[in-house]
């Protein structure tokens, strides 16, 4: 019987209050090779964080980039997060994950994260107020390690 193949660590990061350069630096410092954008709406008023700009910065830094729209939080969930209502956001997002499109993107994220060090990206700085915390738990469960990065490179709430 062969030993189980170790699963790469999984990372998450929020870009709230940060810059693209600091986010990319944190990813590189952590050894991330693939950035998975899990925003439903990959546009941003923050310079550098709209999908095309972020993808270009990631690729220029030597990272792979994938946007998985169906793993984004629906608008009512985003509104709840903005209000600081994590419980409602979690409930809405968990229900959203039952959709076939979300299940397909979750399977894609699982396949990508089984092969390389991946970081899930969304807006909220605090992973506990963001759906990426739920996704990380689903992708790693009890069998892997999840690191919640801060754009300055420090790890939060492992």
N, C-alpha and C. Protein backbone atom coordinates (compact mmCIF):
# COMPACT_ATOMS: atom_id res chain seq x y z
N UNK A 1 0.86 -1.18 0.00
CA UNK A 1 0.00 0.00 0.00
C UNK A 1 0.90 1.24 0.00
N UNK A 2 0.68 2.15 -0.92
CA UNK A 2 1.53 3.33 -1.01
C UNK A 2 1.02 4.44 -0.09
N UNK A 3 1.94 5.29 0.28
CA UNK A 3 1.60 6.41 1.16
C UNK A 3 0.76 7.42 0.38
N UNK A 4 -0.17 8.11 1.06
CA UNK A 4 -0.98 9.12 0.36
C UNK A 4 -0.11 10.27 -0.14
N UNK A 5 -0.47 10.79 -1.28
CA UNK A 5 0.26 11.93 -1.85
C UNK A 5 -0.15 13.17 -1.07
N UNK A 6 0.83 13.93 -0.56
CA UNK A 6 0.48 15.12 0.20
C UNK A 6 -0.21 16.16 -0.69
N UNK A 7 -1.18 16.84 -0.12
CA UNK A 7 -1.90 17.90 -0.82
C UNK A 7 -1.18 19.22 -0.53
N UNK A 8 -0.94 20.03 -1.57
CA UNK A 8 -0.29 21.32 -1.32
C UNK A 8 -1.10 22.19 -0.35
N UNK A 9 -0.42 23.01 0.40
CA UNK A 9 -1.12 23.95 1.27
C UNK A 9 -2.00 24.86 0.42
N UNK A 10 -3.05 25.35 1.02
CA UNK A 10 -3.98 26.27 0.36
C UNK A 10 -3.88 27.60 1.08
N UNK A 11 -3.97 28.68 0.33
CA UNK A 11 -3.86 30.03 0.87
C UNK A 11 -5.11 30.82 0.49
N UNK A 12 -5.42 31.83 1.29
CA UNK A 12 -6.45 32.79 0.92
C UNK A 12 -5.89 34.19 1.18
N UNK A 13 -6.43 35.16 0.46
CA UNK A 13 -6.03 36.55 0.67
C UNK A 13 -7.16 37.48 0.27
N UNK A 14 -7.30 38.57 1.02
CA UNK A 14 -8.22 39.65 0.67
C UNK A 14 -7.41 40.88 0.35
N UNK A 15 -7.87 41.63 -0.63
CA UNK A 15 -7.09 42.80 -1.05
C UNK A 15 -7.58 44.11 -0.45
N UNK A 16 -8.54 44.05 0.45
CA UNK A 16 -9.05 45.26 1.09
C UNK A 16 -7.91 46.04 1.75
N UNK A 17 -7.80 47.32 1.41
CA UNK A 17 -6.78 48.17 2.00
C UNK A 17 -5.38 47.92 1.50
N UNK A 18 -5.24 47.21 0.40
CA UNK A 18 -3.91 46.86 -0.09
C UNK A 18 -3.70 47.34 -1.52
N UNK A 19 -2.56 46.96 -2.07
CA UNK A 19 -2.23 47.26 -3.46
C UNK A 19 -1.94 45.95 -4.18
N UNK A 20 -1.99 45.99 -5.49
CA UNK A 20 -1.67 44.80 -6.27
C UNK A 20 -0.24 44.35 -5.99
N UNK A 21 0.68 45.29 -5.92
CA UNK A 21 2.09 44.93 -5.68
C UNK A 21 2.25 44.19 -4.34
N UNK A 22 1.57 44.66 -3.30
CA UNK A 22 1.68 43.99 -2.00
C UNK A 22 1.02 42.62 -2.01
N UNK A 23 -0.10 42.49 -2.70
CA UNK A 23 -0.76 41.18 -2.80
C UNK A 23 0.15 40.20 -3.55
N UNK A 24 0.67 40.61 -4.68
CA UNK A 24 1.55 39.73 -5.46
C UNK A 24 2.79 39.36 -4.65
N UNK A 25 3.35 40.32 -3.93
CA UNK A 25 4.53 40.03 -3.09
C UNK A 25 4.20 39.00 -2.03
N UNK A 26 3.03 39.11 -1.40
CA UNK A 26 2.62 38.14 -0.37
C UNK A 26 2.46 36.75 -0.98
N UNK A 27 1.89 36.68 -2.17
CA UNK A 27 1.71 35.38 -2.84
C UNK A 27 3.05 34.74 -3.17
N UNK A 28 3.94 35.53 -3.70
CA UNK A 28 5.27 35.00 -4.06
C UNK A 28 6.04 34.56 -2.83
N UNK A 29 5.96 35.36 -1.77
CA UNK A 29 6.66 35.01 -0.52
C UNK A 29 6.13 33.69 0.05
N UNK A 30 4.84 33.45 -0.10
CA UNK A 30 4.23 32.23 0.43
C UNK A 30 4.46 31.02 -0.47
N UNK A 31 4.97 31.24 -1.68
CA UNK A 31 5.21 30.12 -2.59
C UNK A 31 4.00 29.74 -3.42
N UNK A 32 3.01 30.61 -3.50
CA UNK A 32 1.82 30.37 -4.31
C UNK A 32 2.21 30.38 -5.78
N UNK A 33 1.63 29.46 -6.55
CA UNK A 33 1.89 29.43 -7.99
C UNK A 33 0.63 29.67 -8.82
N UNK A 34 -0.53 29.66 -8.18
CA UNK A 34 -1.79 29.82 -8.91
C UNK A 34 -2.75 30.67 -8.09
N UNK A 35 -3.19 31.78 -8.66
CA UNK A 35 -4.15 32.67 -8.02
C UNK A 35 -5.54 32.34 -8.57
N UNK A 36 -6.47 32.01 -7.68
CA UNK A 36 -7.84 31.71 -8.08
C UNK A 36 -8.74 32.83 -7.53
N UNK A 37 -9.27 33.61 -8.45
CA UNK A 37 -10.13 34.73 -8.13
C UNK A 37 -11.55 34.19 -7.93
N UNK A 38 -12.08 34.35 -6.72
CA UNK A 38 -13.40 33.80 -6.41
C UNK A 38 -14.43 34.92 -6.17
N UNK A 39 -14.30 35.98 -6.95
CA UNK A 39 -15.27 37.07 -6.89
C UNK A 39 -16.36 36.86 -7.93
N UNK A 40 -17.60 37.08 -7.55
CA UNK A 40 -18.71 36.99 -8.51
C UNK A 40 -18.59 38.11 -9.54
N UNK A 41 -18.16 39.27 -9.07
CA UNK A 41 -17.98 40.44 -9.94
C UNK A 41 -16.51 40.82 -9.87
N UNK A 42 -15.72 40.43 -10.88
CA UNK A 42 -14.28 40.65 -10.79
C UNK A 42 -13.83 42.05 -11.21
N UNK A 43 -14.70 43.02 -11.03
CA UNK A 43 -14.34 44.41 -11.25
C UNK A 43 -14.04 45.04 -9.91
N UNK A 44 -13.29 46.11 -9.92
CA UNK A 44 -12.96 46.78 -8.68
C UNK A 44 -12.66 48.24 -8.95
N UNK A 45 -13.05 49.09 -8.02
CA UNK A 45 -12.65 50.50 -8.10
C UNK A 45 -11.23 50.70 -7.61
N UNK A 46 -10.68 49.69 -6.95
CA UNK A 46 -9.28 49.77 -6.49
C UNK A 46 -8.38 49.53 -7.68
N UNK A 47 -7.44 50.42 -7.93
CA UNK A 47 -6.55 50.26 -9.08
C UNK A 47 -5.83 48.91 -9.07
N UNK A 48 -5.88 48.25 -10.22
CA UNK A 48 -5.14 47.01 -10.39
C UNK A 48 -5.92 45.75 -10.05
N UNK A 49 -7.12 45.87 -9.50
CA UNK A 49 -7.83 44.68 -9.05
C UNK A 49 -9.00 44.27 -9.94
N UNK A 50 -9.21 44.97 -11.05
CA UNK A 50 -10.17 44.47 -12.02
C UNK A 50 -9.56 43.24 -12.67
N UNK A 51 -10.40 42.36 -13.15
CA UNK A 51 -9.96 41.04 -13.61
C UNK A 51 -8.77 41.11 -14.57
N UNK A 52 -8.88 41.87 -15.62
CA UNK A 52 -7.80 41.90 -16.63
C UNK A 52 -6.50 42.45 -16.06
N UNK A 53 -6.60 43.49 -15.25
CA UNK A 53 -5.39 44.07 -14.65
C UNK A 53 -4.76 43.09 -13.66
N UNK A 54 -5.58 42.45 -12.85
CA UNK A 54 -5.08 41.50 -11.87
C UNK A 54 -4.45 40.29 -12.56
N UNK A 55 -5.12 39.80 -13.59
CA UNK A 55 -4.57 38.66 -14.33
C UNK A 55 -3.23 39.01 -14.96
N UNK A 56 -3.12 40.20 -15.54
CA UNK A 56 -1.86 40.63 -16.16
C UNK A 56 -0.75 40.73 -15.11
N UNK A 57 -1.06 41.28 -13.93
CA UNK A 57 -0.05 41.40 -12.87
C UNK A 57 0.38 40.03 -12.38
N UNK A 58 -0.58 39.11 -12.25
CA UNK A 58 -0.25 37.75 -11.78
C UNK A 58 0.64 37.04 -12.80
N UNK A 59 0.26 37.10 -14.05
CA UNK A 59 1.04 36.43 -15.10
C UNK A 59 2.44 37.03 -15.19
N UNK A 60 2.53 38.35 -15.10
CA UNK A 60 3.84 39.02 -15.14
C UNK A 60 4.73 38.56 -13.98
N UNK A 61 4.11 38.22 -12.85
CA UNK A 61 4.86 37.75 -11.67
C UNK A 61 5.13 36.24 -11.74
N UNK A 62 4.70 35.60 -12.82
CA UNK A 62 4.96 34.17 -12.96
C UNK A 62 3.91 33.27 -12.35
N UNK A 63 2.73 33.83 -12.05
CA UNK A 63 1.64 33.05 -11.46
C UNK A 63 0.60 32.70 -12.52
N UNK A 64 -0.06 31.59 -12.33
CA UNK A 64 -1.23 31.28 -13.14
C UNK A 64 -2.41 32.00 -12.52
N UNK A 65 -3.40 32.33 -13.33
CA UNK A 65 -4.59 33.04 -12.84
C UNK A 65 -5.83 32.36 -13.40
N UNK A 66 -6.81 32.11 -12.53
CA UNK A 66 -8.09 31.56 -12.95
C UNK A 66 -9.19 32.30 -12.22
N UNK A 67 -10.20 32.72 -12.97
CA UNK A 67 -11.37 33.33 -12.35
C UNK A 67 -12.49 32.30 -12.35
N UNK A 68 -13.07 32.05 -11.18
CA UNK A 68 -14.18 31.10 -11.04
C UNK A 68 -15.40 31.87 -10.52
N UNK A 69 -16.11 32.47 -11.46
CA UNK A 69 -17.24 33.34 -11.14
C UNK A 69 -18.29 32.67 -10.26
N UNK A 70 -18.59 31.42 -10.52
CA UNK A 70 -19.66 30.74 -9.79
C UNK A 70 -19.30 30.49 -8.32
N UNK A 71 -18.03 30.72 -7.96
CA UNK A 71 -17.64 30.61 -6.55
C UNK A 71 -17.69 31.95 -5.83
N UNK A 72 -18.23 32.95 -6.51
CA UNK A 72 -18.41 34.25 -5.87
C UNK A 72 -19.69 34.29 -5.06
N UNK A 73 -19.74 35.23 -4.14
CA UNK A 73 -20.91 35.39 -3.28
C UNK A 73 -22.00 36.17 -4.02
N UNK A 74 -23.24 35.70 -4.00
CA UNK A 74 -24.33 36.47 -4.59
C UNK A 74 -24.48 37.83 -3.89
N UNK A 75 -25.08 38.79 -4.57
CA UNK A 75 -25.19 40.14 -4.04
C UNK A 75 -25.77 40.21 -2.62
N UNK A 76 -26.83 39.48 -2.29
CA UNK A 76 -27.31 39.55 -0.90
C UNK A 76 -26.25 39.10 0.12
N UNK A 77 -25.43 38.15 -0.24
CA UNK A 77 -24.35 37.72 0.64
C UNK A 77 -23.27 38.79 0.78
N UNK A 78 -22.95 39.45 -0.33
CA UNK A 78 -21.96 40.54 -0.28
C UNK A 78 -22.50 41.69 0.58
N UNK A 79 -23.79 41.98 0.43
CA UNK A 79 -24.40 43.03 1.25
C UNK A 79 -24.32 42.68 2.73
N UNK A 80 -24.59 41.42 3.07
CA UNK A 80 -24.51 40.98 4.47
C UNK A 80 -23.08 41.13 4.99
N UNK A 81 -22.09 40.77 4.18
CA UNK A 81 -20.69 40.91 4.60
C UNK A 81 -20.35 42.37 4.86
N UNK A 82 -20.82 43.27 3.99
CA UNK A 82 -20.56 44.70 4.18
C UNK A 82 -21.17 45.21 5.48
N UNK A 83 -22.30 44.61 5.88
CA UNK A 83 -22.95 45.00 7.16
C UNK A 83 -22.27 44.36 8.36
N UNK A 84 -21.33 43.46 8.11
CA UNK A 84 -20.68 42.76 9.21
C UNK A 84 -21.47 41.56 9.70
N UNK A 85 -22.42 41.11 8.91
CA UNK A 85 -23.29 39.99 9.27
C UNK A 85 -22.76 38.71 8.63
N UNK A 86 -21.73 38.15 9.25
CA UNK A 86 -21.07 36.96 8.70
C UNK A 86 -22.02 35.76 8.66
N UNK A 87 -22.88 35.62 9.63
CA UNK A 87 -23.78 34.46 9.68
C UNK A 87 -24.72 34.45 8.47
N UNK A 88 -25.28 35.60 8.14
CA UNK A 88 -26.17 35.67 6.97
C UNK A 88 -25.39 35.44 5.69
N UNK A 89 -24.22 36.04 5.59
CA UNK A 89 -23.39 35.83 4.40
C UNK A 89 -23.08 34.35 4.24
N UNK A 90 -22.70 33.68 5.31
CA UNK A 90 -22.37 32.25 5.25
C UNK A 90 -23.59 31.43 4.82
N UNK A 91 -24.76 31.75 5.36
CA UNK A 91 -25.98 31.02 5.01
C UNK A 91 -26.31 31.19 3.52
N UNK A 92 -26.23 32.42 3.03
CA UNK A 92 -26.53 32.69 1.62
C UNK A 92 -25.52 31.99 0.72
N UNK A 93 -24.25 32.08 1.06
CA UNK A 93 -23.23 31.47 0.22
C UNK A 93 -23.33 29.95 0.23
N UNK A 94 -23.59 29.37 1.38
CA UNK A 94 -23.71 27.91 1.47
C UNK A 94 -24.88 27.42 0.60
N UNK A 95 -25.99 28.14 0.60
CA UNK A 95 -27.12 27.79 -0.27
C UNK A 95 -26.73 27.94 -1.73
N UNK A 96 -26.00 29.00 -2.05
CA UNK A 96 -25.55 29.25 -3.43
C UNK A 96 -24.67 28.11 -3.95
N UNK A 97 -23.89 27.51 -3.08
CA UNK A 97 -22.98 26.44 -3.49
C UNK A 97 -23.70 25.19 -4.00
N UNK A 98 -25.00 25.09 -3.77
CA UNK A 98 -25.75 23.94 -4.26
C UNK A 98 -26.04 24.02 -5.76
N UNK A 99 -25.88 25.20 -6.35
CA UNK A 99 -26.14 25.37 -7.79
C UNK A 99 -25.15 24.56 -8.61
N UNK A 100 -25.60 24.00 -9.73
CA UNK A 100 -24.70 23.20 -10.58
C UNK A 100 -23.45 23.96 -11.03
N UNK A 101 -23.60 25.24 -11.34
CA UNK A 101 -22.44 26.03 -11.79
C UNK A 101 -21.42 26.16 -10.66
N UNK A 102 -21.90 26.37 -9.45
CA UNK A 102 -21.00 26.48 -8.30
C UNK A 102 -20.32 25.14 -8.04
N UNK A 103 -21.05 24.04 -8.15
CA UNK A 103 -20.46 22.72 -7.96
C UNK A 103 -19.38 22.45 -9.00
N UNK A 104 -19.62 22.86 -10.24
CA UNK A 104 -18.63 22.67 -11.30
C UNK A 104 -17.37 23.48 -11.02
N UNK A 105 -17.54 24.75 -10.61
CA UNK A 105 -16.36 25.57 -10.30
C UNK A 105 -15.66 25.08 -9.04
N UNK A 106 -16.40 24.55 -8.08
CA UNK A 106 -15.77 23.99 -6.88
C UNK A 106 -14.91 22.78 -7.26
N UNK A 107 -15.39 21.97 -8.18
CA UNK A 107 -14.60 20.83 -8.66
C UNK A 107 -13.34 21.32 -9.39
N UNK A 108 -13.46 22.37 -10.18
CA UNK A 108 -12.27 22.96 -10.84
C UNK A 108 -11.27 23.46 -9.82
N UNK A 109 -11.75 24.16 -8.80
CA UNK A 109 -10.86 24.68 -7.75
C UNK A 109 -10.18 23.53 -7.02
N UNK A 110 -10.91 22.46 -6.76
CA UNK A 110 -10.33 21.30 -6.08
C UNK A 110 -9.23 20.68 -6.92
N UNK A 111 -9.46 20.56 -8.22
CA UNK A 111 -8.45 19.97 -9.11
C UNK A 111 -7.20 20.85 -9.17
N UNK A 112 -7.39 22.15 -9.29
CA UNK A 112 -6.25 23.07 -9.35
C UNK A 112 -5.47 23.02 -8.05
N UNK A 113 -6.19 23.05 -6.92
CA UNK A 113 -5.51 23.13 -5.62
C UNK A 113 -4.88 21.80 -5.20
N UNK A 114 -5.23 20.72 -5.87
CA UNK A 114 -4.60 19.43 -5.58
C UNK A 114 -3.23 19.33 -6.24
N UNK A 115 -2.99 20.17 -7.23
CA UNK A 115 -1.77 20.09 -8.02
C UNK A 115 -0.69 21.10 -7.63
N UNK A 116 -1.09 22.23 -7.05
CA UNK A 116 -0.12 23.31 -6.83
C UNK A 116 -0.57 24.18 -5.65
N UNK A 117 0.35 24.95 -5.08
CA UNK A 117 -0.04 25.91 -4.04
C UNK A 117 -0.92 27.01 -4.64
N UNK A 118 -2.15 27.05 -4.20
CA UNK A 118 -3.16 27.96 -4.72
C UNK A 118 -3.55 28.97 -3.66
N UNK A 119 -3.90 30.17 -4.12
CA UNK A 119 -4.45 31.18 -3.21
C UNK A 119 -5.79 31.63 -3.76
N UNK A 120 -6.81 31.59 -2.90
CA UNK A 120 -8.13 32.10 -3.23
C UNK A 120 -8.16 33.59 -2.90
N UNK A 121 -8.59 34.41 -3.85
CA UNK A 121 -8.61 35.85 -3.66
C UNK A 121 -10.02 36.39 -3.69
N UNK A 122 -10.30 37.28 -2.75
CA UNK A 122 -11.53 38.06 -2.73
C UNK A 122 -11.19 39.41 -2.08
N UNK A 123 -12.21 40.20 -1.76
CA UNK A 123 -11.96 41.55 -1.26
C UNK A 123 -11.66 41.62 0.23
N UNK A 124 -12.50 41.03 1.07
CA UNK A 124 -12.43 41.25 2.52
C UNK A 124 -11.07 40.85 3.10
N UNK A 125 -10.51 41.73 3.88
CA UNK A 125 -9.22 41.47 4.53
C UNK A 125 -9.33 40.31 5.53
N UNK A 126 -10.42 40.32 6.32
CA UNK A 126 -10.61 39.30 7.35
C UNK A 126 -11.30 38.09 6.73
N UNK A 127 -10.61 36.98 6.67
CA UNK A 127 -11.15 35.78 6.03
C UNK A 127 -12.43 35.30 6.70
N UNK A 128 -12.63 35.61 7.97
CA UNK A 128 -13.84 35.16 8.67
C UNK A 128 -15.08 35.90 8.21
N UNK A 129 -14.89 37.04 7.55
CA UNK A 129 -16.01 37.82 7.01
C UNK A 129 -16.17 37.58 5.50
N UNK A 130 -15.51 36.57 4.99
CA UNK A 130 -15.49 36.34 3.55
C UNK A 130 -15.83 34.89 3.23
N UNK A 131 -16.47 34.69 2.11
CA UNK A 131 -16.84 33.34 1.67
C UNK A 131 -15.63 32.47 1.35
N UNK A 132 -14.47 33.07 1.15
CA UNK A 132 -13.28 32.24 0.84
C UNK A 132 -12.91 31.34 2.01
N UNK A 133 -13.32 31.71 3.21
CA UNK A 133 -13.11 30.86 4.38
C UNK A 133 -13.90 29.57 4.24
N UNK A 134 -15.13 29.68 3.77
CA UNK A 134 -15.97 28.49 3.53
C UNK A 134 -15.35 27.64 2.44
N UNK A 135 -14.94 28.29 1.35
CA UNK A 135 -14.33 27.55 0.24
C UNK A 135 -13.07 26.82 0.68
N UNK A 136 -12.24 27.49 1.44
CA UNK A 136 -11.00 26.86 1.91
C UNK A 136 -11.32 25.63 2.75
N UNK A 137 -12.32 25.73 3.60
CA UNK A 137 -12.71 24.58 4.40
C UNK A 137 -13.20 23.42 3.55
N UNK A 138 -13.96 23.73 2.52
CA UNK A 138 -14.44 22.68 1.62
C UNK A 138 -13.31 22.04 0.83
N UNK A 139 -12.36 22.86 0.41
CA UNK A 139 -11.26 22.35 -0.41
C UNK A 139 -10.23 21.58 0.38
N UNK A 140 -10.08 21.89 1.66
CA UNK A 140 -9.06 21.22 2.45
C UNK A 140 -9.62 20.37 3.57
N UNK A 141 -10.81 20.71 4.03
CA UNK A 141 -11.41 19.92 5.11
C UNK A 141 -10.43 19.69 6.23
N UNK A 142 -10.33 18.47 6.66
CA UNK A 142 -9.41 18.13 7.75
C UNK A 142 -8.08 17.61 7.23
N UNK A 143 -7.95 17.49 5.91
CA UNK A 143 -6.79 16.80 5.37
C UNK A 143 -5.65 17.71 4.92
N UNK A 144 -5.85 18.99 4.93
CA UNK A 144 -4.80 19.87 4.43
C UNK A 144 -4.68 21.12 5.28
N UNK A 145 -3.71 21.93 4.93
CA UNK A 145 -3.42 23.15 5.68
C UNK A 145 -3.91 24.35 4.89
N UNK A 146 -4.54 25.29 5.59
CA UNK A 146 -4.98 26.55 4.99
C UNK A 146 -4.27 27.68 5.71
N UNK A 147 -3.70 28.58 4.93
CA UNK A 147 -3.04 29.78 5.47
C UNK A 147 -3.82 30.99 4.96
N UNK A 148 -4.17 31.89 5.86
CA UNK A 148 -4.87 33.11 5.48
C UNK A 148 -3.82 34.23 5.47
N UNK A 149 -3.49 34.69 4.28
CA UNK A 149 -2.44 35.70 4.12
C UNK A 149 -3.01 37.10 4.28
N UNK A 150 -2.15 37.98 4.72
CA UNK A 150 -2.41 39.42 4.67
C UNK A 150 -1.52 39.98 3.58
N UNK A 151 -1.94 41.04 2.95
CA UNK A 151 -1.17 41.58 1.84
C UNK A 151 0.24 41.98 2.22
N UNK A 152 0.47 42.23 3.49
CA UNK A 152 1.84 42.56 3.92
C UNK A 152 2.69 41.31 4.03
N UNK A 153 2.09 40.14 3.84
CA UNK A 153 2.83 38.90 3.88
C UNK A 153 2.65 38.12 5.18
N UNK A 154 2.08 38.74 6.21
CA UNK A 154 1.86 38.03 7.46
C UNK A 154 0.69 37.07 7.30
N UNK A 155 0.66 36.02 8.07
CA UNK A 155 -0.44 35.06 8.03
C UNK A 155 -1.39 35.37 9.17
N UNK A 156 -2.65 35.21 8.89
CA UNK A 156 -3.70 35.56 9.85
C UNK A 156 -4.54 34.33 10.14
N UNK A 157 -4.83 34.09 11.39
CA UNK A 157 -5.81 33.10 11.80
C UNK A 157 -5.67 31.71 11.22
N UNK A 158 -4.51 31.13 11.21
CA UNK A 158 -4.34 29.79 10.65
C UNK A 158 -5.07 28.77 11.47
